[in-house]
Amino acid sequence: MPTEAAFPAVAPPRGRRPKDMAGGRQELLAAAICAFSHDGFERADLRGIASAAGVSQNLIRVHFGSKTQLWNACLDAITKSASGIISDISRIASDESRSVYDRLCDAIPRIVYFYSDHPYVRDFVVRHAADRSERSTLVTEQLIHPAYESCRTLYEAGIAQGIIRASHPALFFALLSAAANQPASFPTVLRSLAPEIPEDAARILIAETIIETLLHGEPCPPQR
């Protein structure tokens, strides 16, 4: 599945840039997303972010102005990364020329693969969505709510047809999101449990297993 690469994960360069060199914006964003995802807003340290990015700390002020503005820039970059999959799921959900079951079989692997390809989106949302702050509200408004609305009508149709056995589409959305949000170490952990499962097949197989477990109806062709 093609994915949006609006904010590719980049490895911060080694060494430090001269203080008067105004580059490093993308490196700072990459390092800041990692820090905010791992430590949260309050514990993330600007000096550590600059060090991880290989730039001088004063470039945070040059490019972003403050810690809050840096966090907002991270959220904007992540929102841009997620815009493609949200559009794809909305398009699939609204395609009434296909059966509800087929559309679900198309949508679910795309969601699984997106999370696998964009772990920083998953980690950032998980860290900030429930911290009871204005940041939580922004994450909900810019990421969680649009993602839910892109598939809500499809899940409602699945529930109405008995394909999805849930009392509300939001509950299915939460369950699917949790199942799709596997950690980066998932293929290795799975292989330690079942050596016969190749690591490079893990995400395909977890997508198929989610479909087989959560949907009730005719089997879908594999979405690979």
Protein backbone atom coordinates (compact mmCIF):
# COMPACT_ATOMS: atom_id res chain seq x y z
CA MET A 1 0.00 0.00 0.00
CA PRO A 2 1.45 3.38 -0.87
CA THR A 3 1.75 5.68 2.13
CA GLU A 4 2.22 9.40 2.61
CA ALA A 5 5.76 10.37 3.49
CA ALA A 6 5.02 13.97 4.41
CA PHE A 7 7.32 13.72 7.41
CA PRO A 8 9.81 10.89 6.89
CA ALA A 9 11.64 9.57 9.89
CA VAL A 10 15.18 10.87 9.52
CA ALA A 11 18.27 10.01 11.49
CA PRO A 12 19.77 13.10 13.12
CA PRO A 13 23.24 13.85 11.76
CA ARG A 14 26.37 13.50 13.85
CA GLY A 15 28.13 16.56 15.19
CA ARG A 16 26.83 20.08 15.79
CA ARG A 17 26.12 22.89 13.36
CA PRO A 18 27.61 26.36 13.94
CA LYS A 19 25.27 28.54 16.00
CA ASP A 20 24.71 30.94 13.09
CA MET A 21 23.75 28.19 10.64
CA ALA A 22 19.96 28.30 10.19
CA GLY A 23 19.50 24.75 8.96
CA GLY A 24 18.30 21.77 10.94
CA ARG A 25 14.54 22.34 11.02
CA GLN A 26 13.67 18.83 9.84
CA GLU A 27 16.26 17.29 12.17
CA LEU A 28 14.78 19.21 15.09
CA LEU A 29 11.26 18.08 14.19
CA ALA A 30 12.36 14.44 14.00
CA ALA A 31 14.21 14.64 17.31
CA ALA A 32 11.35 16.54 18.98
CA ILE A 33 8.73 14.03 17.88
CA CYS A 34 10.85 11.23 19.36
CA ALA A 35 11.33 13.16 22.61
CA PHE A 36 7.70 14.25 23.01
CA SER A 37 6.48 10.74 22.17
CA HIS A 38 8.81 9.07 24.65
CA ASP A 39 8.89 11.59 27.50
CA GLY A 40 5.76 13.70 27.06
CA PHE A 41 5.68 17.47 26.82
CA GLU A 42 6.73 18.36 30.35
CA ARG A 43 9.69 15.99 30.60
CA ALA A 44 11.03 16.51 27.07
CA ASP A 45 14.19 18.60 27.28
CA LEU A 46 15.04 21.20 24.63
CA ARG A 47 18.76 20.76 25.15
CA GLY A 48 18.39 17.01 24.64
CA ILE A 49 16.28 17.57 21.52
CA ALA A 50 18.87 19.88 20.02
CA SER A 51 21.67 17.45 20.89
CA ALA A 52 19.80 14.54 19.28
CA ALA A 53 19.26 16.68 16.17
CA GLY A 54 22.93 17.61 16.05
CA VAL A 55 22.25 21.35 16.15
CA SER A 56 22.61 24.24 18.55
CA GLN A 57 19.74 24.75 21.00
CA ASN A 58 19.26 28.35 19.85
CA LEU A 59 17.96 27.01 16.52
CA ILE A 60 14.79 25.91 18.32
CA ARG A 61 14.08 29.58 18.98
CA VAL A 62 15.09 30.50 15.41
CA HIS A 63 12.78 27.96 13.79
CA PHE A 64 9.96 27.57 16.31
CA GLY A 65 10.19 30.25 19.00
CA SER A 66 9.33 28.16 22.06
CA LYS A 67 8.80 24.63 23.34
CA THR A 68 5.05 24.96 22.86
CA GLN A 69 5.46 26.14 19.29
CA LEU A 70 7.88 23.27 18.63
CA TRP A 71 5.27 20.82 19.94
CA ASN A 72 2.62 22.43 17.73
CA ALA A 73 4.92 22.06 14.71
CA CYS A 74 5.36 18.38 15.56
CA LEU A 75 1.59 17.91 15.69
CA ASP A 76 1.20 19.69 12.35
CA ALA A 77 3.86 17.45 10.76
CA ILE A 78 2.17 14.33 12.12
CA THR A 79 -1.25 15.55 10.97
CA LYS A 80 0.18 16.01 7.48
CA SER A 81 1.60 12.48 7.58
CA ALA A 82 -1.80 11.08 8.55
CA SER A 83 -3.81 13.06 5.99
CA GLY A 84 -3.20 10.53 3.23
CA ILE A 85 -4.49 7.49 5.10
CA ILE A 86 -7.47 9.45 6.42
CA SER A 87 -8.38 10.44 2.85
CA ASP A 88 -7.91 6.86 1.65
CA ILE A 89 -10.18 5.42 4.34
CA SER A 90 -12.81 8.09 3.72
CA ARG A 91 -12.77 7.26 -0.01
CA ILE A 92 -13.09 3.53 0.67
CA ALA A 93 -15.88 4.06 3.20
CA SER A 94 -17.95 6.14 0.79
CA ASP A 95 -17.61 3.78 -2.21
CA GLU A 96 -21.09 2.30 -2.22
CA SER A 97 -20.39 0.39 -5.45
CA ARG A 98 -18.63 -2.19 -3.26
CA SER A 99 -20.05 -4.30 -0.47
CA VAL A 100 -19.55 -3.23 3.12
CA TYR A 101 -17.54 -6.38 3.76
CA ASP A 102 -15.18 -5.73 0.85
CA ARG A 103 -14.66 -2.15 1.94
CA LEU A 104 -13.81 -3.25 5.48
CA CYS A 105 -11.37 -5.81 4.10
CA ASP A 106 -9.71 -3.05 2.11
CA ALA A 107 -9.63 -0.49 4.91
CA ILE A 108 -8.36 -2.57 7.81
CA PRO A 109 -5.00 -3.65 6.30
CA ARG A 110 -4.34 -0.06 5.22
CA ILE A 111 -4.79 1.06 8.81
CA VAL A 112 -2.49 -1.69 10.10
CA TYR A 113 0.20 -0.90 7.51
CA PHE A 114 0.01 2.83 8.19
CA TYR A 115 0.70 2.35 11.88
CA SER A 116 3.54 -0.02 11.03
CA ASP A 117 5.10 2.45 8.58
CA HIS A 118 4.55 5.52 10.78
CA PRO A 119 5.31 4.45 14.38
CA TYR A 120 5.90 8.06 15.45
CA VAL A 121 2.23 8.83 14.75
CA ARG A 122 1.14 6.01 17.02
CA ASP A 123 3.58 6.91 19.78
CA PHE A 124 2.80 10.65 19.71
CA VAL A 125 -0.96 10.08 19.84
CA VAL A 126 -0.75 7.50 22.63
CA ARG A 127 1.48 9.77 24.72
CA HIS A 128 -0.62 12.94 24.39
CA ALA A 129 -4.22 11.89 23.76
CA ALA A 130 -5.04 11.30 27.41
CA ASP A 131 -2.89 13.81 29.29
CA ARG A 132 -5.88 16.07 30.16
CA SER A 133 -4.44 19.24 28.68
CA GLU A 134 -4.93 21.56 25.75
CA ARG A 135 -2.49 19.33 23.89
CA SER A 136 -4.83 16.38 24.34
CA THR A 137 -7.64 18.44 22.84
CA LEU A 138 -5.50 19.38 19.85
CA VAL A 139 -4.48 15.75 19.23
CA THR A 140 -8.12 14.70 19.41
CA GLU A 141 -9.30 17.48 17.08
CA GLN A 142 -6.54 17.16 14.49
CA LEU A 143 -5.93 13.39 14.48
CA ILE A 144 -8.29 11.15 16.42
CA HIS A 145 -11.61 12.75 15.46
CA PRO A 146 -10.78 13.01 11.70
CA ALA A 147 -9.57 9.39 11.71
CA TYR A 148 -12.80 8.25 13.37
CA GLU A 149 -15.03 10.27 11.07
CA SER A 150 -13.28 8.82 7.99
CA CYS A 151 -14.53 5.33 8.87
CA ARG A 152 -17.53 5.90 11.14
CA THR A 153 -20.20 5.41 8.48
CA LEU A 154 -18.49 2.23 7.26
CA TYR A 155 -18.41 0.80 10.77
CA GLU A 156 -22.05 1.80 11.28
CA ALA A 157 -22.96 -0.10 8.10
CA GLY A 158 -20.92 -3.09 9.28
CA ILE A 159 -22.77 -3.12 12.59
CA ALA A 160 -26.15 -2.81 10.84
CA GLN A 161 -25.34 -5.83 8.65
CA GLY A 162 -24.00 -7.94 11.51
CA ILE A 163 -20.48 -7.97 10.06
CA ILE A 164 -19.18 -6.04 13.06
CA ARG A 165 -20.51 -7.17 16.41
CA ALA A 166 -20.32 -4.01 18.45
CA SER A 167 -22.89 -1.71 20.03
CA HIS A 168 -21.25 1.49 18.74
CA PRO A 169 -18.79 2.32 15.94
CA ALA A 170 -16.54 4.20 18.39
CA LEU A 171 -16.02 0.98 20.35
CA PHE A 172 -14.99 -0.87 17.19
CA PHE A 173 -12.72 2.04 16.21
CA ALA A 174 -10.99 1.85 19.60
CA LEU A 175 -10.64 -1.93 19.43
CA LEU A 176 -9.25 -1.88 15.89
CA SER A 177 -6.85 0.95 16.73
CA ALA A 178 -5.50 -1.00 19.69
CA ALA A 179 -5.10 -4.17 17.61
CA ALA A 180 -3.38 -2.29 14.77
CA ASN A 181 -1.05 -0.39 17.12
CA GLN A 182 1.59 -3.07 17.49
CA PRO A 183 5.00 -2.00 18.82
CA ALA A 184 8.00 -1.93 16.50
CA SER A 185 9.33 -5.05 18.23
CA PHE A 186 6.19 -7.02 17.38
CA PRO A 187 7.68 -9.11 14.50
CA THR A 188 10.63 -10.14 16.69
CA VAL A 189 8.42 -11.00 19.65
CA LEU A 190 6.08 -12.98 17.40
CA ARG A 191 9.00 -14.91 15.95
CA SER A 192 10.22 -15.77 19.45
CA LEU A 193 6.79 -17.31 20.11
CA ALA A 194 6.41 -18.94 16.69
CA PRO A 195 9.74 -19.34 14.84
CA GLU A 196 7.89 -20.65 11.82
CA ILE A 197 6.40 -17.19 11.20
CA PRO A 198 8.89 -15.04 9.24
CA GLU A 199 9.42 -11.55 10.63
CA ASP A 200 8.78 -9.95 7.23
CA ALA A 201 5.32 -11.56 7.11
CA ALA A 202 4.24 -10.40 10.57
CA ARG A 203 2.29 -7.28 9.62
CA ILE A 204 0.50 -9.02 6.74
CA LEU A 205 -0.49 -11.87 9.00
CA ILE A 206 -1.62 -9.60 11.85
CA ALA A 207 -3.83 -7.68 9.39
CA GLU A 208 -5.37 -10.93 8.17
CA THR A 209 -5.84 -12.14 11.74
CA ILE A 210 -7.57 -8.90 12.74
CA ILE A 211 -9.98 -9.29 9.81
CA GLU A 212 -10.66 -12.95 10.60
CA THR A 213 -11.22 -12.16 14.28
CA LEU A 214 -13.23 -8.93 14.13
CA LEU A 215 -15.33 -9.37 10.98
CA HIS A 216 -18.14 -11.87 10.55
CA GLY A 217 -19.01 -12.88 7.01
CA GLU A 218 -17.44 -14.24 3.85
CA PRO A 219 -13.63 -14.53 3.98
CA CYS A 220 -11.79 -11.65 2.32
CA PRO A 221 -9.07 -12.14 -0.24
CA PRO A 222 -5.68 -11.23 1.28
CA GLN A 223 -4.83 -7.52 1.03
CA ARG A 224 -1.06 -7.60 0.48
